[in-house]
Amino acid sequence: MSKKKEEFARQEQIQEEIRRVKLPRDKQCIGVVDQRLGGSRMRVRCFDGKNRICRIPGRMKRRLWVREGDYVLVEPWELGGDEKADILFKYKPNQVSFLKKRGYVKEMEALEEF
């Protein structure tokens, strides 16, 4: 494959990823992983100003690899929603830049101070 075709394919893939960015619905919110606690649990700083202990559901444990500093989509539990939540999706770097441009992640600069 020539360099031009590879570059075009890479740009096309990036555009497709940006088109398919999952946005928060209803009670869902975006957060940043602060600390991994073990056993598929981690501490996440959410954009609604709350720190939650989140887990990766069993159906996604093998597919979703999350590290500290990753942006994730979080859905709080019905009981204990201020303290616990499930991780639904991990955003890729180009999706995070898309979210920042659209204003979904603008609040994090203020939260990073503490």
N, C-alpha and C. Protein backbone atom coordinates (compact mmCIF):
# COMPACT_ATOMS: atom_id res chain seq x y z
N MET A 1 0.83 -1.18 0.00
CA MET A 1 0.00 0.00 0.00
C MET A 1 0.88 1.24 0.00
N SER A 2 0.52 2.21 -0.77
CA SER A 2 1.32 3.43 -0.84
C SER A 2 1.08 4.30 0.41
N LYS A 3 1.95 5.26 0.60
CA LYS A 3 1.85 6.13 1.77
C LYS A 3 0.58 6.97 1.74
N LYS A 4 0.19 7.42 0.56
CA LYS A 4 -1.01 8.24 0.44
C LYS A 4 -2.25 7.46 0.83
N LYS A 5 -2.32 6.20 0.38
CA LYS A 5 -3.48 5.37 0.71
C LYS A 5 -3.53 5.08 2.20
N GLU A 6 -2.36 4.82 2.81
CA GLU A 6 -2.32 4.57 4.25
C GLU A 6 -2.77 5.79 5.03
N GLU A 7 -2.28 6.97 4.63
CA GLU A 7 -2.65 8.21 5.30
C GLU A 7 -4.14 8.49 5.15
N PHE A 8 -4.69 8.26 3.95
CA PHE A 8 -6.11 8.47 3.72
C PHE A 8 -6.94 7.51 4.57
N ALA A 9 -6.52 6.24 4.65
CA ALA A 9 -7.24 5.25 5.45
C ALA A 9 -7.20 5.63 6.93
N ARG A 10 -6.06 6.14 7.41
CA ARG A 10 -5.93 6.54 8.81
C ARG A 10 -6.84 7.73 9.11
N GLN A 11 -6.88 8.73 8.20
CA GLN A 11 -7.75 9.88 8.41
C GLN A 11 -9.22 9.49 8.38
N GLU A 12 -9.55 8.58 7.49
CA GLU A 12 -10.93 8.11 7.41
C GLU A 12 -11.34 7.40 8.69
N GLN A 13 -10.42 6.61 9.26
CA GLN A 13 -10.70 5.90 10.50
C GLN A 13 -10.91 6.91 11.65
N ILE A 14 -10.10 7.95 11.69
CA ILE A 14 -10.24 8.97 12.73
C ILE A 14 -11.59 9.67 12.61
N GLN A 15 -11.98 10.02 11.39
CA GLN A 15 -13.26 10.68 11.19
C GLN A 15 -14.41 9.78 11.63
N GLU A 16 -14.30 8.47 11.36
CA GLU A 16 -15.36 7.56 11.76
C GLU A 16 -15.44 7.44 13.27
N GLU A 17 -14.29 7.43 13.95
CA GLU A 17 -14.29 7.35 15.40
C GLU A 17 -14.93 8.60 16.00
N ILE A 18 -14.64 9.76 15.42
CA ILE A 18 -15.21 11.00 15.93
C ILE A 18 -16.71 11.02 15.71
N ARG A 19 -17.17 10.48 14.61
CA ARG A 19 -18.59 10.45 14.33
C ARG A 19 -19.34 9.59 15.34
N ARG A 20 -18.69 8.61 15.91
CA ARG A 20 -19.35 7.66 16.79
C ARG A 20 -19.02 7.90 18.26
N VAL A 21 -18.85 9.12 18.65
CA VAL A 21 -18.56 9.43 20.05
C VAL A 21 -19.83 9.25 20.86
N LYS A 22 -19.74 8.46 21.94
CA LYS A 22 -20.88 8.28 22.81
C LYS A 22 -20.99 9.48 23.74
N LEU A 23 -22.15 10.09 23.76
CA LEU A 23 -22.40 11.23 24.62
C LEU A 23 -23.23 10.77 25.82
N PRO A 24 -23.07 11.44 26.97
CA PRO A 24 -23.83 11.03 28.16
C PRO A 24 -25.32 11.26 27.98
N ARG A 25 -26.11 10.30 28.44
CA ARG A 25 -27.57 10.39 28.40
C ARG A 25 -28.10 10.28 29.83
N ASP A 26 -29.26 10.81 30.08
CA ASP A 26 -29.96 10.72 31.36
C ASP A 26 -29.02 10.96 32.54
N LYS A 27 -28.73 9.91 33.32
CA LYS A 27 -27.92 10.03 34.52
C LYS A 27 -26.43 9.82 34.26
N GLN A 28 -26.05 9.46 33.07
CA GLN A 28 -24.65 9.17 32.76
C GLN A 28 -23.81 10.45 32.80
N CYS A 29 -22.52 10.29 33.10
CA CYS A 29 -21.62 11.44 33.09
C CYS A 29 -20.23 10.97 32.66
N ILE A 30 -19.40 11.93 32.32
CA ILE A 30 -18.03 11.65 31.91
C ILE A 30 -17.13 11.87 33.11
N GLY A 31 -16.10 11.03 33.22
CA GLY A 31 -15.17 11.16 34.33
C GLY A 31 -13.76 10.77 33.93
N VAL A 32 -12.82 11.00 34.84
CA VAL A 32 -11.42 10.67 34.62
C VAL A 32 -10.99 9.69 35.71
N VAL A 33 -10.32 8.61 35.31
CA VAL A 33 -9.87 7.61 36.28
C VAL A 33 -8.71 8.20 37.08
N ASP A 34 -8.88 8.24 38.41
CA ASP A 34 -7.85 8.76 39.30
C ASP A 34 -6.93 7.66 39.80
N GLN A 35 -7.52 6.54 40.20
CA GLN A 35 -6.73 5.49 40.85
C GLN A 35 -7.37 4.14 40.59
N ARG A 36 -6.52 3.15 40.31
CA ARG A 36 -7.01 1.78 40.17
C ARG A 36 -6.93 1.12 41.53
N LEU A 37 -8.00 0.46 41.91
CA LEU A 37 -8.08 -0.12 43.25
C LEU A 37 -7.93 -1.64 43.24
N GLY A 38 -8.01 -2.26 42.08
CA GLY A 38 -7.89 -3.71 41.98
C GLY A 38 -9.25 -4.38 41.89
N GLY A 39 -9.27 -5.56 41.32
CA GLY A 39 -10.53 -6.29 41.20
C GLY A 39 -11.53 -5.59 40.30
N SER A 40 -11.08 -5.01 39.22
CA SER A 40 -11.88 -4.27 38.23
C SER A 40 -12.60 -3.07 38.84
N ARG A 41 -12.06 -2.53 39.91
CA ARG A 41 -12.62 -1.33 40.53
C ARG A 41 -11.61 -0.20 40.44
N MET A 42 -12.13 1.02 40.36
CA MET A 42 -11.26 2.18 40.29
C MET A 42 -11.99 3.42 40.82
N ARG A 43 -11.22 4.39 41.23
CA ARG A 43 -11.77 5.66 41.71
C ARG A 43 -11.80 6.62 40.52
N VAL A 44 -12.99 7.17 40.26
CA VAL A 44 -13.20 8.05 39.10
C VAL A 44 -13.69 9.40 39.59
N ARG A 45 -13.08 10.47 39.06
CA ARG A 45 -13.51 11.84 39.34
C ARG A 45 -14.47 12.24 38.23
N CYS A 46 -15.74 12.39 38.56
CA CYS A 46 -16.77 12.69 37.56
C CYS A 46 -16.93 14.19 37.38
N PHE A 47 -17.48 14.59 36.24
CA PHE A 47 -17.64 16.01 35.93
C PHE A 47 -18.80 16.64 36.68
N ASP A 48 -19.61 15.85 37.37
CA ASP A 48 -20.65 16.45 38.21
C ASP A 48 -20.11 16.79 39.59
N GLY A 49 -18.79 16.67 39.77
CA GLY A 49 -18.15 17.09 41.01
C GLY A 49 -18.05 16.02 42.07
N LYS A 50 -18.39 14.78 41.75
CA LYS A 50 -18.36 13.71 42.74
C LYS A 50 -17.28 12.69 42.40
N ASN A 51 -16.68 12.13 43.44
CA ASN A 51 -15.74 11.02 43.27
C ASN A 51 -16.50 9.73 43.52
N ARG A 52 -16.40 8.80 42.58
CA ARG A 52 -17.13 7.53 42.70
C ARG A 52 -16.17 6.36 42.58
N ILE A 53 -16.51 5.29 43.25
CA ILE A 53 -15.80 4.04 43.06
C ILE A 53 -16.57 3.28 41.97
N CYS A 54 -15.92 3.07 40.85
CA CYS A 54 -16.57 2.47 39.69
C CYS A 54 -16.03 1.08 39.45
N ARG A 55 -16.85 0.27 38.84
CA ARG A 55 -16.42 -1.08 38.46
C ARG A 55 -16.70 -1.29 36.99
N ILE A 56 -15.96 -2.24 36.43
CA ILE A 56 -16.20 -2.64 35.04
C ILE A 56 -17.12 -3.85 35.10
N PRO A 57 -18.30 -3.79 34.50
CA PRO A 57 -19.22 -4.93 34.53
C PRO A 57 -18.60 -6.19 33.90
N GLY A 58 -19.07 -7.33 34.32
CA GLY A 58 -18.51 -8.61 33.89
C GLY A 58 -18.50 -8.81 32.39
N ARG A 59 -19.50 -8.32 31.70
CA ARG A 59 -19.57 -8.52 30.24
C ARG A 59 -18.49 -7.74 29.51
N MET A 60 -17.86 -6.76 30.18
CA MET A 60 -16.87 -5.91 29.52
C MET A 60 -15.46 -6.08 30.08
N LYS A 61 -15.27 -6.93 31.06
CA LYS A 61 -13.98 -7.04 31.74
C LYS A 61 -12.84 -7.37 30.79
N ARG A 62 -13.06 -8.26 29.86
CA ARG A 62 -12.00 -8.68 28.95
C ARG A 62 -11.77 -7.69 27.81
N ARG A 63 -12.78 -6.90 27.47
CA ARG A 63 -12.68 -5.99 26.33
C ARG A 63 -12.18 -4.60 26.70
N LEU A 64 -12.39 -4.18 27.93
CA LEU A 64 -12.13 -2.80 28.33
C LEU A 64 -10.93 -2.73 29.26
N TRP A 65 -9.84 -2.14 28.78
CA TRP A 65 -8.63 -1.96 29.59
C TRP A 65 -8.51 -0.48 29.92
N VAL A 66 -8.58 -0.17 31.20
CA VAL A 66 -8.62 1.22 31.64
C VAL A 66 -7.40 1.51 32.51
N ARG A 67 -6.78 2.66 32.29
CA ARG A 67 -5.62 3.10 33.08
C ARG A 67 -5.94 4.43 33.73
N GLU A 68 -5.05 4.86 34.62
CA GLU A 68 -5.21 6.16 35.27
C GLU A 68 -5.09 7.26 34.21
N GLY A 69 -5.97 8.25 34.32
CA GLY A 69 -5.95 9.37 33.38
C GLY A 69 -6.85 9.17 32.18
N ASP A 70 -7.46 8.01 32.02
CA ASP A 70 -8.37 7.76 30.90
C ASP A 70 -9.72 8.43 31.15
N TYR A 71 -10.34 8.90 30.10
CA TYR A 71 -11.68 9.46 30.17
C TYR A 71 -12.67 8.34 29.92
N VAL A 72 -13.68 8.23 30.79
CA VAL A 72 -14.65 7.15 30.70
C VAL A 72 -16.07 7.69 30.83
N LEU A 73 -17.01 6.92 30.31
CA LEU A 73 -18.43 7.22 30.47
C LEU A 73 -18.94 6.38 31.64
N VAL A 74 -19.56 7.05 32.61
CA VAL A 74 -19.94 6.41 33.87
C VAL A 74 -21.44 6.50 34.05
N GLU A 75 -22.04 5.40 34.55
CA GLU A 75 -23.46 5.42 34.88
C GLU A 75 -23.62 5.11 36.36
N PRO A 76 -24.08 6.08 37.17
CA PRO A 76 -24.24 5.86 38.61
C PRO A 76 -25.29 4.79 38.90
N TRP A 77 -25.08 4.09 40.02
CA TRP A 77 -26.05 3.09 40.46
C TRP A 77 -27.30 3.79 40.97
N GLU A 78 -28.42 3.06 40.95
CA GLU A 78 -29.67 3.62 41.48
C GLU A 78 -29.57 3.80 42.99
N LEU A 79 -29.02 2.80 43.68
CA LEU A 79 -28.79 2.91 45.11
C LEU A 79 -27.32 3.25 45.33
N GLY A 80 -27.05 4.30 46.04
CA GLY A 80 -25.67 4.72 46.27
C GLY A 80 -25.06 5.37 45.04
N GLY A 81 -25.84 6.09 44.28
CA GLY A 81 -25.37 6.70 43.04
C GLY A 81 -24.33 7.78 43.21
N ASP A 82 -24.26 8.36 44.43
CA ASP A 82 -23.24 9.38 44.68
C ASP A 82 -21.89 8.75 44.99
N GLU A 83 -21.88 7.46 45.32
CA GLU A 83 -20.65 6.79 45.72
C GLU A 83 -20.17 5.73 44.75
N LYS A 84 -21.09 5.06 44.04
CA LYS A 84 -20.72 3.93 43.20
C LYS A 84 -21.33 4.07 41.81
N ALA A 85 -20.63 3.45 40.83
CA ALA A 85 -21.09 3.54 39.45
C ALA A 85 -20.47 2.43 38.61
N ASP A 86 -20.96 2.27 37.39
CA ASP A 86 -20.41 1.33 36.42
C ASP A 86 -19.75 2.11 35.29
N ILE A 87 -18.65 1.56 34.77
CA ILE A 87 -17.99 2.16 33.62
C ILE A 87 -18.58 1.53 32.36
N LEU A 88 -19.06 2.37 31.45
CA LEU A 88 -19.71 1.87 30.24
C LEU A 88 -18.83 1.92 29.01
N PHE A 89 -17.93 2.93 28.95
CA PHE A 89 -17.19 3.16 27.72
C PHE A 89 -15.91 3.93 28.04
N LYS A 90 -14.85 3.63 27.30
CA LYS A 90 -13.59 4.37 27.44
C LYS A 90 -13.38 5.18 26.16
N TYR A 91 -13.10 6.47 26.33
CA TYR A 91 -12.89 7.35 25.18
C TYR A 91 -11.45 7.27 24.70
N LYS A 92 -11.26 7.29 23.39
CA LYS A 92 -9.93 7.34 22.78
C LYS A 92 -9.47 8.79 22.75
N PRO A 93 -8.15 9.03 22.59
CA PRO A 93 -7.64 10.41 22.63
C PRO A 93 -8.29 11.37 21.63
N ASN A 94 -8.56 10.90 20.42
CA ASN A 94 -9.18 11.82 19.45
C ASN A 94 -10.64 12.08 19.81
N GLN A 95 -11.30 11.15 20.48
CA GLN A 95 -12.66 11.38 20.94
C GLN A 95 -12.68 12.38 22.09
N VAL A 96 -11.65 12.32 22.94
CA VAL A 96 -11.54 13.29 24.05
C VAL A 96 -11.35 14.69 23.49
N SER A 97 -10.52 14.84 22.46
CA SER A 97 -10.33 16.17 21.87
C SER A 97 -11.63 16.67 21.25
N PHE A 98 -12.41 15.76 20.65
CA PHE A 98 -13.72 16.13 20.10
C PHE A 98 -14.64 16.62 21.21
N LEU A 99 -14.66 15.91 22.35
CA LEU A 99 -15.50 16.30 23.48
C LEU A 99 -15.08 17.66 24.04
N LYS A 100 -13.77 17.91 24.06
CA LYS A 100 -13.28 19.21 24.56
C LYS A 100 -13.71 20.33 23.63
N LYS A 101 -13.66 20.09 22.31
CA LYS A 101 -14.08 21.11 21.35
C LYS A 101 -15.57 21.42 21.50
N ARG A 102 -16.36 20.39 21.78
CA ARG A 102 -17.81 20.57 21.90
C ARG A 102 -18.23 21.11 23.27
N GLY A 103 -17.30 21.13 24.24
CA GLY A 103 -17.62 21.71 25.54
C GLY A 103 -18.09 20.72 26.59
N TYR A 104 -18.03 19.43 26.32
CA TYR A 104 -18.46 18.44 27.30
C TYR A 104 -17.42 18.25 28.41
N VAL A 105 -16.16 18.53 28.12
CA VAL A 105 -15.08 18.25 29.06
C VAL A 105 -14.44 19.56 29.55
N LYS A 106 -15.06 20.68 29.28
CA LYS A 106 -14.48 21.97 29.62
C LYS A 106 -14.33 22.16 31.12
N GLU A 107 -15.19 21.54 31.91
CA GLU A 107 -15.20 21.75 33.36
C GLU A 107 -14.00 21.12 34.05
N MET A 108 -13.30 20.19 33.43
CA MET A 108 -12.24 19.46 34.10
C MET A 108 -11.08 20.36 34.48
N GLU A 109 -10.78 21.40 33.73
CA GLU A 109 -9.69 22.28 34.08
C GLU A 109 -9.88 22.89 35.47
N ALA A 110 -11.13 23.22 35.80
CA ALA A 110 -11.42 23.77 37.13
C ALA A 110 -11.30 22.70 38.21
N LEU A 111 -11.66 21.46 37.87
CA LEU A 111 -11.60 20.38 38.86
C LEU A 111 -10.18 19.85 39.08
N GLU A 112 -9.27 20.05 38.14
CA GLU A 112 -7.92 19.51 38.25
C GLU A 112 -7.08 20.25 39.28
N GLU A 113 -7.53 21.39 39.75
CA GLU A 113 -6.75 22.18 40.69
C GLU A 113 -6.57 21.51 42.04
N PHE A 114 -7.56 20.77 42.50
CA PHE A 114 -7.45 20.18 43.84
C PHE A 114 -6.69 18.90 43.87
